[in-house]
Amino acid sequence: MRSTNMTSSYSGHPFKRITIMQNETVNTMGGGNDAAMLEAEVCSAVEQGHDVQKIVRQLTLRRINARSLDLESLRQIARAVLRGARAGARKELQQSAAQTGITRVHLKRAVAGLDAALAQLAEASKLALEEAAARAQTFSREDLSRARSDLESLEAMFLETMQASASGVTDVGQEILYDLVTHTRIHGSAVGRQLRETLPVITQQLDTAGRTQVGAGLHLAQATSDLLRQIAADVLTGLADHTKPGHSQGKGD
């Protein structure tokens, strides 16, 4: 979802009042420092082995939110996550070569965290679309077209990046990643399953959008980013209810 409009306001968004936990860190990952930081954080999570999937998912979501939502930015984030996961696995094995089984589990959970974060990005796009429809609002055709183009390639990017990460140095991490790539190609991924729900919604809105909407309307990348911040903060319980027409905000909102 390439967008140069990440600073555009999405007025009327009903979730602005929710306080995001912790201070939002808006670091752009354009330079190597932020990529190295993400890599180090993932490495530490894998090495420590506690709540690996949850921590990697959170770290990934926060980095996604700090950047534009285009495919190349997402690819760079995925690369950093997978480099960190492999580095953490290597450190685990250096401490004890006997715990290959545990390392395999931790690396698998790190990949699952990345997969889950990408799936939640796709889910946030779908929720933003449904919310706008419920409020009789529209996104521009340009935003919808770009979103569809990037999302259509999201699962392939995930698999290609995982495959590339498995190349190079031969170690247990390489073997595990190759196994995960093979398994995912056969059985599918979380992001792939979510995309099967999200893409038809985008296509439907594109089919109904008039040509006069080119360059007009709400910005999908901004709306998605707003929701994604709240997913990252784990404050979206029951969010789907807000996208339904006729939802009352008087019940515990």
C-alpha atoms as a PDB file:
ATOM      1  CA  MET A   1       0.000   0.000   0.000  1.00  0.00           C
ATOM      2  CA  ARG A   2       2.342   2.682  -1.202  1.00  0.00           C
ATOM      3  CA  SER A   3       1.374   6.040   0.140  1.00  0.00           C
ATOM      4  CA  THR A   4       2.946   9.439   0.347  1.00  0.00           C
ATOM      5  CA  ASN A   5      -0.039  10.543   2.406  1.00  0.00           C
ATOM      6  CA  MET A   6       0.848   8.982   5.730  1.00  0.00           C
ATOM      7  CA  THR A   7       0.480  12.363   7.435  1.00  0.00           C
ATOM      8  CA  SER A   8      -3.012  12.907   6.056  1.00  0.00           C
ATOM      9  CA  SER A   9      -5.712  13.040   8.696  1.00  0.00           C
ATOM     10  CA  TYR A  10      -8.490  10.475   8.728  1.00  0.00           C
ATOM     11  CA  SER A  11     -11.183  12.565  10.358  1.00  0.00           C
ATOM     12  CA  GLY A  12     -14.216  10.817  11.721  1.00  0.00           C
ATOM     13  CA  HIS A  13     -12.245   7.756  12.833  1.00  0.00           C
ATOM     14  CA  PRO A  14     -14.088   6.496  15.955  1.00  0.00           C
ATOM     15  CA  PHE A  15     -11.026   4.967  17.565  1.00  0.00           C
ATOM     16  CA  LYS A  16      -8.876   8.099  17.902  1.00  0.00           C
ATOM     17  CA  ARG A  17      -9.973   8.392  21.522  1.00  0.00           C
ATOM     18  CA  ILE A  18      -8.307   5.122  22.478  1.00  0.00           C
ATOM     19  CA  THR A  19      -4.999   5.791  24.181  1.00  0.00           C
ATOM     20  CA  ILE A  20      -2.199   3.783  22.640  1.00  0.00           C
ATOM     21  CA  MET A  21      -0.113   2.036  25.271  1.00  0.00           C
ATOM     22  CA  GLN A  22       3.356   3.440  25.724  1.00  0.00           C
ATOM     23  CA  ASN A  23       4.661   6.410  23.807  1.00  0.00           C
ATOM     24  CA  GLU A  24       4.458   5.952  20.049  1.00  0.00           C
ATOM     25  CA  THR A  25       7.916   5.744  18.568  1.00  0.00           C
ATOM     26  CA  VAL A  26       7.855   6.997  15.028  1.00  0.00           C
ATOM     27  CA  ASN A  27      11.236   5.853  13.851  1.00  0.00           C
ATOM     28  CA  THR A  28      11.649   5.562  10.134  1.00  0.00           C
ATOM     29  CA  MET A  29      13.470   2.431   9.191  1.00  0.00           C
ATOM     30  CA  GLY A  30      15.074   4.021   6.172  1.00  0.00           C
ATOM     31  CA  GLY A  31      18.564   3.784   7.633  1.00  0.00           C
ATOM     32  CA  GLY A  32      20.484   0.810   8.871  1.00  0.00           C
ATOM     33  CA  ASN A  33      20.212   1.711  12.558  1.00  0.00           C
ATOM     34  CA  ASP A  34      16.522   0.903  12.922  1.00  0.00           C
ATOM     35  CA  ALA A  35      16.877  -2.289  10.894  1.00  0.00           C
ATOM     36  CA  ALA A  36      19.776  -3.311  13.135  1.00  0.00           C
ATOM     37  CA  MET A  37      17.720  -2.486  16.220  1.00  0.00           C
ATOM     38  CA  LEU A  38      14.809  -4.625  15.053  1.00  0.00           C
ATOM     39  CA  GLU A  39      17.204  -7.441  14.202  1.00  0.00           C
ATOM     40  CA  ALA A  40      18.778  -7.239  17.668  1.00  0.00           C
ATOM     41  CA  GLU A  41      15.393  -7.190  19.403  1.00  0.00           C
ATOM     42  CA  VAL A  42      14.200 -10.260  17.518  1.00  0.00           C
ATOM     43  CA  CYS A  43      17.518 -12.004  18.169  1.00  0.00           C
ATOM     44  CA  SER A  44      17.110 -11.364  21.897  1.00  0.00           C
ATOM     45  CA  ALA A  45      13.519 -12.633  21.874  1.00  0.00           C
ATOM     46  CA  VAL A  46      14.507 -15.889  20.177  1.00  0.00           C
ATOM     47  CA  GLU A  47      17.533 -16.372  22.409  1.00  0.00           C
ATOM     48  CA  GLN A  48      15.524 -15.823  25.586  1.00  0.00           C
ATOM     49  CA  GLY A  49      12.692 -18.024  24.350  1.00  0.00           C
ATOM     50  CA  HIS A  50       9.802 -16.407  26.242  1.00  0.00           C
ATOM     51  CA  ASP A  51       6.617 -15.470  24.321  1.00  0.00           C
ATOM     52  CA  VAL A  52       8.648 -15.439  21.109  1.00  0.00           C
ATOM     53  CA  GLN A  53       5.715 -15.326  18.717  1.00  0.00           C
ATOM     54  CA  LYS A  54       3.916 -12.542  20.589  1.00  0.00           C
ATOM     55  CA  ILE A  55       7.046 -10.421  20.998  1.00  0.00           C
ATOM     56  CA  VAL A  56       8.073 -10.770  17.342  1.00  0.00           C
ATOM     57  CA  ARG A  57       4.540  -9.939  16.223  1.00  0.00           C
ATOM     58  CA  GLN A  58       4.519  -6.802  18.373  1.00  0.00           C
ATOM     59  CA  LEU A  59       7.978  -5.705  17.237  1.00  0.00           C
ATOM     60  CA  THR A  60       7.017  -6.223  13.597  1.00  0.00           C
ATOM     61  CA  LEU A  61       3.740  -4.335  13.893  1.00  0.00           C
ATOM     62  CA  ARG A  62       5.430  -1.371  15.529  1.00  0.00           C
ATOM     63  CA  ARG A  63       8.067  -1.201  12.800  1.00  0.00           C
ATOM     64  CA  ILE A  64       5.385  -1.471  10.119  1.00  0.00           C
ATOM     65  CA  ASN A  65       3.568   1.424  11.734  1.00  0.00           C
ATOM     66  CA  ALA A  66       6.692   3.570  11.713  1.00  0.00           C
ATOM     67  CA  ARG A  67       7.000   3.272   7.942  1.00  0.00           C
ATOM     68  CA  SER A  68       4.961   3.698   4.808  1.00  0.00           C
ATOM     69  CA  LEU A  69       2.936   0.600   4.055  1.00  0.00           C
ATOM     70  CA  ASP A  70       4.471  -0.175   0.667  1.00  0.00           C
ATOM     71  CA  LEU A  71       5.701  -3.634  -0.252  1.00  0.00           C
ATOM     72  CA  GLU A  72       9.403  -2.771  -0.296  1.00  0.00           C
ATOM     73  CA  SER A  73       9.256  -1.343   3.225  1.00  0.00           C
ATOM     74  CA  LEU A  74       7.524  -4.502   4.401  1.00  0.00           C
ATOM     75  CA  ARG A  75      10.194  -6.604   2.683  1.00  0.00           C
ATOM     76  CA  GLN A  76      12.959  -4.756   4.538  1.00  0.00           C
ATOM     77  CA  ILE A  77      11.181  -5.318   7.845  1.00  0.00           C
ATOM     78  CA  ALA A  78      10.697  -9.017   7.109  1.00  0.00           C
ATOM     79  CA  ARG A  79      14.384  -9.384   6.235  1.00  0.00           C
ATOM     80  CA  ALA A  80      15.434  -7.765   9.518  1.00  0.00           C
ATOM     81  CA  VAL A  81      13.080 -10.008  11.505  1.00  0.00           C
ATOM     82  CA  LEU A  82      14.366 -13.176   9.850  1.00  0.00           C
ATOM     83  CA  ARG A  83      18.018 -12.150  10.230  1.00  0.00           C
ATOM     84  CA  GLY A  84      17.393 -11.550  13.917  1.00  0.00           C
ATOM     85  CA  ALA A  85      15.601 -14.872  14.299  1.00  0.00           C
ATOM     86  CA  ARG A  86      18.483 -16.778  12.717  1.00  0.00           C
ATOM     87  CA  ALA A  87      21.027 -14.916  14.835  1.00  0.00           C
ATOM     88  CA  GLY A  88      19.089 -15.787  17.979  1.00  0.00           C
ATOM     89  CA  ALA A  89      18.919 -19.425  16.935  1.00  0.00           C
ATOM     90  CA  ARG A  90      22.690 -19.507  16.372  1.00  0.00           C
ATOM     91  CA  LYS A  91      23.318 -18.047  19.827  1.00  0.00           C
ATOM     92  CA  GLU A  92      21.065 -20.635  21.411  1.00  0.00           C
ATOM     93  CA  LEU A  93      22.945 -23.460  19.736  1.00  0.00           C
ATOM     94  CA  GLN A  94      26.324 -21.984  20.708  1.00  0.00           C
ATOM     95  CA  GLN A  95      25.250 -22.163  24.331  1.00  0.00           C
ATOM     96  CA  SER A  96      24.038 -25.734  24.023  1.00  0.00           C
ATOM     97  CA  ALA A  97      24.193 -27.832  20.875  1.00  0.00           C
ATOM     98  CA  ALA A  98      21.892 -30.337  22.595  1.00  0.00           C
ATOM     99  CA  GLN A  99      18.866 -28.049  22.419  1.00  0.00           C
ATOM    100  CA  THR A 100      18.281 -28.191  18.670  1.00  0.00           C
ATOM    101  CA  GLY A 101      14.651 -29.124  19.260  1.00  0.00           C
ATOM    102  CA  ILE A 102      14.046 -26.060  21.437  1.00  0.00           C
ATOM    103  CA  THR A 103      15.815 -23.810  18.936  1.00  0.00           C
ATOM    104  CA  ARG A 104      13.606 -25.173  16.177  1.00  0.00           C
ATOM    105  CA  VAL A 105      10.502 -24.269  18.195  1.00  0.00           C
ATOM    106  CA  HIS A 106      11.747 -20.758  18.932  1.00  0.00           C
ATOM    107  CA  LEU A 107      12.664 -20.054  15.314  1.00  0.00           C
ATOM    108  CA  LYS A 108       9.350 -21.430  14.131  1.00  0.00           C
ATOM    109  CA  ARG A 109       7.521 -19.158  16.576  1.00  0.00           C
ATOM    110  CA  ALA A 110       9.490 -16.132  15.408  1.00  0.00           C
ATOM    111  CA  VAL A 111       8.440 -16.815  11.820  1.00  0.00           C
ATOM    112  CA  ALA A 112       4.865 -17.298  13.021  1.00  0.00           C
ATOM    113  CA  GLY A 113       5.069 -13.879  14.709  1.00  0.00           C
ATOM    114  CA  LEU A 114       6.129 -12.261  11.434  1.00  0.00           C
ATOM    115  CA  ASP A 115       3.373 -14.107   9.581  1.00  0.00           C
ATOM    116  CA  ALA A 116       0.798 -12.979  12.167  1.00  0.00           C
ATOM    117  CA  ALA A 117       1.904  -9.337  11.908  1.00  0.00           C
ATOM    118  CA  LEU A 118       1.529  -9.369   8.122  1.00  0.00           C
ATOM    119  CA  ALA A 119      -1.874 -11.022   8.498  1.00  0.00           C
ATOM    120  CA  GLN A 120      -2.944  -8.301  10.916  1.00  0.00           C
ATOM    121  CA  LEU A 121      -1.835  -5.665   8.436  1.00  0.00           C
ATOM    122  CA  ALA A 122      -4.142  -7.254   5.857  1.00  0.00           C
ATOM    123  CA  GLU A 123      -6.888  -7.496   8.477  1.00  0.00           C
ATOM    124  CA  ALA A 124      -6.524  -3.814   9.377  1.00  0.00           C
ATOM    125  CA  SER A 125      -6.982  -2.916   5.709  1.00  0.00           C
ATOM    126  CA  LYS A 126     -10.183  -4.952   5.589  1.00  0.00           C
ATOM    127  CA  LEU A 127     -11.512  -3.387   8.793  1.00  0.00           C
ATOM    128  CA  ALA A 128     -10.732   0.103   7.500  1.00  0.00           C
ATOM    129  CA  LEU A 129     -12.648  -0.647   4.306  1.00  0.00           C
ATOM    130  CA  GLU A 130     -15.632  -2.075   6.169  1.00  0.00           C
ATOM    131  CA  GLU A 131     -15.689   0.798   8.618  1.00  0.00           C
ATOM    132  CA  ALA A 132     -15.672   3.360   5.814  1.00  0.00           C
ATOM    133  CA  ALA A 133     -18.496   1.512   4.040  1.00  0.00           C
ATOM    134  CA  ALA A 134     -20.553   1.442   7.242  1.00  0.00           C
ATOM    135  CA  ARG A 135     -20.111   5.224   7.501  1.00  0.00           C
ATOM    136  CA  ALA A 136     -20.953   5.763   3.814  1.00  0.00           C
ATOM    137  CA  GLN A 137     -17.401   6.977   3.192  1.00  0.00           C
ATOM    138  CA  THR A 138     -15.072   6.006   0.374  1.00  0.00           C
ATOM    139  CA  PHE A 139     -11.384   5.682  -0.385  1.00  0.00           C
ATOM    140  CA  SER A 140      -9.867   6.994  -3.584  1.00  0.00           C
ATOM    141  CA  ARG A 141      -9.515   4.618  -6.513  1.00  0.00           C
ATOM    142  CA  GLU A 142      -5.785   5.315  -6.486  1.00  0.00           C
ATOM    143  CA  ASP A 143      -5.478   4.156  -2.855  1.00  0.00           C
ATOM    144  CA  LEU A 144      -7.591   1.079  -3.489  1.00  0.00           C
ATOM    145  CA  SER A 145      -5.608   0.112  -6.589  1.00  0.00           C
ATOM    146  CA  ARG A 146      -2.263   0.521  -4.826  1.00  0.00           C
ATOM    147  CA  ALA A 147      -3.487  -1.407  -1.800  1.00  0.00           C
ATOM    148  CA  ARG A 148      -4.697  -4.277  -3.929  1.00  0.00           C
ATOM    149  CA  SER A 149      -1.446  -4.385  -5.904  1.00  0.00           C
ATOM    150  CA  ASP A 150       0.709  -4.539  -2.774  1.00  0.00           C
ATOM    151  CA  LEU A 151      -1.530  -6.939  -0.868  1.00  0.00           C
ATOM    152  CA  GLU A 152      -1.723  -9.329  -3.811  1.00  0.00           C
ATOM    153  CA  SER A 153       2.063  -9.717  -3.535  1.00  0.00           C
ATOM    154  CA  LEU A 154       2.277  -9.808   0.264  1.00  0.00           C
ATOM    155  CA  GLU A 155       2.239 -13.570   0.813  1.00  0.00           C
ATOM    156  CA  ALA A 156       4.682 -14.162  -2.056  1.00  0.00           C
ATOM    157  CA  MET A 157       6.997 -11.549  -0.532  1.00  0.00           C
ATOM    158  CA  PHE A 158       6.812 -13.334   2.830  1.00  0.00           C
ATOM    159  CA  LEU A 159       7.722 -16.680   1.274  1.00  0.00           C
ATOM    160  CA  GLU A 160      10.454 -15.250  -0.964  1.00  0.00           C
ATOM    161  CA  THR A 161      12.052 -13.407   1.948  1.00  0.00           C
ATOM    162  CA  MET A 162      11.966 -16.527   4.100  1.00  0.00           C
ATOM    163  CA  GLN A 163      13.484 -18.543   1.241  1.00  0.00           C
ATOM    164  CA  ALA A 164      16.242 -15.952   0.768  1.00  0.00           C
ATOM    165  CA  SER A 165      16.954 -15.942   4.509  1.00  0.00           C
ATOM    166  CA  ALA A 166      17.396 -19.706   4.393  1.00  0.00           C
ATOM    167  CA  SER A 167      20.137 -19.327   1.799  1.00  0.00           C
ATOM    168  CA  GLY A 168      23.740 -18.558   2.595  1.00  0.00           C
ATOM    169  CA  VAL A 169      25.382 -19.919   5.703  1.00  0.00           C
ATOM    170  CA  THR A 170      24.630 -23.571   6.342  1.00  0.00           C
ATOM    171  CA  ASP A 171      23.356 -24.126   9.863  1.00  0.00           C
ATOM    172  CA  VAL A 172      20.375 -25.522  11.719  1.00  0.00           C
ATOM    173  CA  GLY A 173      18.513 -22.270  11.136  1.00  0.00           C
ATOM    174  CA  GLN A 174      18.803 -22.750   7.397  1.00  0.00           C
ATOM    175  CA  GLU A 175      17.360 -26.247   7.627  1.00  0.00           C
ATOM    176  CA  ILE A 176      14.491 -25.063   9.813  1.00  0.00           C
ATOM    177  CA  LEU A 177      13.640 -22.161   7.503  1.00  0.00           C
ATOM    178  CA  TYR A 178      13.663 -24.392   4.438  1.00  0.00           C
ATOM    179  CA  ASP A 179      11.283 -26.740   6.248  1.00  0.00           C
ATOM    180  CA  LEU A 180       9.035 -23.801   7.145  1.00  0.00           C
ATOM    181  CA  VAL A 181       9.003 -22.527   3.565  1.00  0.00           C
ATOM    182  CA  THR A 182       8.033 -25.980   2.288  1.00  0.00           C
ATOM    183  CA  HIS A 183       5.349 -26.378   4.942  1.00  0.00           C
ATOM    184  CA  THR A 184       3.912 -22.923   4.236  1.00  0.00           C
ATOM    185  CA  ARG A 185       3.802 -23.470   0.479  1.00  0.00           C
ATOM    186  CA  ILE A 186       1.821 -26.673   1.057  1.00  0.00           C
ATOM    187  CA  HIS A 187      -0.424 -25.654   3.942  1.00  0.00           C
ATOM    188  CA  GLY A 188      -0.608 -21.883   3.524  1.00  0.00           C
ATOM    189  CA  SER A 189       0.121 -18.984   5.832  1.00  0.00           C
ATOM    190  CA  ALA A 190      -1.836 -16.759   8.194  1.00  0.00           C
ATOM    191  CA  VAL A 191      -1.305 -13.780   5.908  1.00  0.00           C
ATOM    192  CA  GLY A 192      -2.482 -15.797   2.911  1.00  0.00           C
ATOM    193  CA  ARG A 193      -5.674 -16.824   4.692  1.00  0.00           C
ATOM    194  CA  GLN A 194      -6.385 -13.242   5.713  1.00  0.00           C
ATOM    195  CA  LEU A 195      -5.723 -11.963   2.202  1.00  0.00           C
ATOM    196  CA  ARG A 196      -8.435 -14.274   0.888  1.00  0.00           C
ATOM    197  CA  GLU A 197     -10.834 -12.241   3.029  1.00  0.00           C
ATOM    198  CA  THR A 198      -9.343  -8.794   2.438  1.00  0.00           C
ATOM    199  CA  LEU A 199      -8.733  -8.745  -1.322  1.00  0.00           C
ATOM    200  CA  PRO A 200     -12.372  -9.397  -2.334  1.00  0.00           C
ATOM    201  CA  VAL A 201     -13.437  -6.431  -0.183  1.00  0.00           C
ATOM    202  CA  ILE A 202     -10.965  -4.151  -1.993  1.00  0.00           C
ATOM    203  CA  THR A 203     -12.036  -5.493  -5.373  1.00  0.00           C
ATOM    204  CA  GLN A 204     -15.689  -4.920  -4.525  1.00  0.00           C
ATOM    205  CA  GLN A 205     -15.013  -1.311  -3.555  1.00  0.00           C
ATOM    206  CA  LEU A 206     -13.011  -0.775  -6.739  1.00  0.00           C
ATOM    207  CA  ASP A 207     -15.875  -2.171  -8.803  1.00  0.00           C
ATOM    208  CA  THR A 208     -18.341   0.221  -7.225  1.00  0.00           C
ATOM    209  CA  ALA A 209     -16.056   3.276  -7.108  1.00  0.00           C
ATOM    210  CA  GLY A 210     -16.764   5.877  -9.758  1.00  0.00           C
ATOM    211  CA  ARG A 211     -14.058   7.416 -11.884  1.00  0.00           C
ATOM    212  CA  THR A 212     -14.756  10.754 -10.199  1.00  0.00           C
ATOM    213  CA  GLN A 213     -13.173   9.349  -7.045  1.00  0.00           C
ATOM    214  CA  VAL A 214      -9.664   9.403  -8.522  1.00  0.00           C
ATOM    215  CA  GLY A 215      -7.506  11.449  -6.161  1.00  0.00           C
ATOM    216  CA  ALA A 216     -10.416  12.051  -3.798  1.00  0.00           C
ATOM    217  CA  GLY A 217     -11.814  10.415  -0.705  1.00  0.00           C
ATOM    218  CA  LEU A 218     -10.165   9.005   2.407  1.00  0.00           C
ATOM    219  CA  HIS A 219      -6.645   7.609   2.499  1.00  0.00           C
ATOM    220  CA  LEU A 220      -6.609   3.846   3.000  1.00  0.00           C
ATOM    221  CA  ALA A 221      -2.972   3.686   4.123  1.00  0.00           C
ATOM    222  CA  GLN A 222      -3.660   6.216   6.887  1.00  0.00           C
ATOM    223  CA  ALA A 223      -6.855   4.479   8.016  1.00  0.00           C
ATOM    224  CA  THR A 224      -5.072   1.122   8.020  1.00  0.00           C
ATOM    225  CA  SER A 225      -2.180   2.580   9.998  1.00  0.00           C
ATOM    226  CA  ASP A 226      -4.582   4.026  12.580  1.00  0.00           C
ATOM    227  CA  LEU A 227      -6.125   0.610  13.167  1.00  0.00           C
ATOM    228  CA  LEU A 228      -2.800  -1.189  13.047  1.00  0.00           C
ATOM    229  CA  ARG A 229      -1.423   0.966  15.859  1.00  0.00           C
ATOM    230  CA  GLN A 230      -4.253  -0.218  18.034  1.00  0.00           C
ATOM    231  CA  ILE A 231      -3.758  -3.841  17.021  1.00  0.00           C
ATOM    232  CA  ALA A 232      -0.122  -3.458  18.065  1.00  0.00           C
ATOM    233  CA  ALA A 233      -1.290  -2.086  21.402  1.00  0.00           C
ATOM    234  CA  ASP A 234      -3.757  -4.974  21.839  1.00  0.00           C
ATOM    235  CA  VAL A 235      -6.698  -2.624  22.309  1.00  0.00           C
ATOM    236  CA  LEU A 236      -8.865  -3.825  19.433  1.00  0.00           C
ATOM    237  CA  THR A 237     -11.034  -6.333  21.292  1.00  0.00           C
ATOM    238  CA  GLY A 238     -14.419  -6.359  19.625  1.00  0.00           C
ATOM    239  CA  LEU A 239     -13.300  -3.932  16.924  1.00  0.00           C
ATOM    240  CA  ALA A 240     -15.245  -5.777  14.231  1.00  0.00           C
ATOM    241  CA  ASP A 241     -18.468  -4.703  15.945  1.00  0.00           C
ATOM    242  CA  HIS A 242     -17.641  -1.078  15.157  1.00  0.00           C
ATOM    243  CA  THR A 243     -17.624  -1.788  11.433  1.00  0.00           C
ATOM    244  CA  LYS A 244     -21.226  -2.975  11.390  1.00  0.00           C
ATOM    245  CA  PRO A 245     -23.919  -0.487  10.354  1.00  0.00           C
ATOM    246  CA  GLY A 246     -26.097   0.584  13.239  1.00  0.00           C
ATOM    247  CA  HIS A 247     -23.446  -0.058  15.893  1.00  0.00           C
ATOM    248  CA  SER A 248     -24.263   1.853  19.048  1.00  0.00           C
ATOM    249  CA  GLN A 249     -21.402   3.634  20.714  1.00  0.00           C
ATOM    250  CA  GLY A 250     -23.303   3.848  23.942  1.00  0.00           C
ATOM    251  CA  LYS A 251     -22.459   0.356  25.130  1.00  0.00           C
ATOM    252  CA  GLY A 252     -19.158   0.414  26.843  1.00  0.00           C
ATOM    253  CA  ASP A 253     -17.427   2.506  24.186  1.00  0.00           C
END
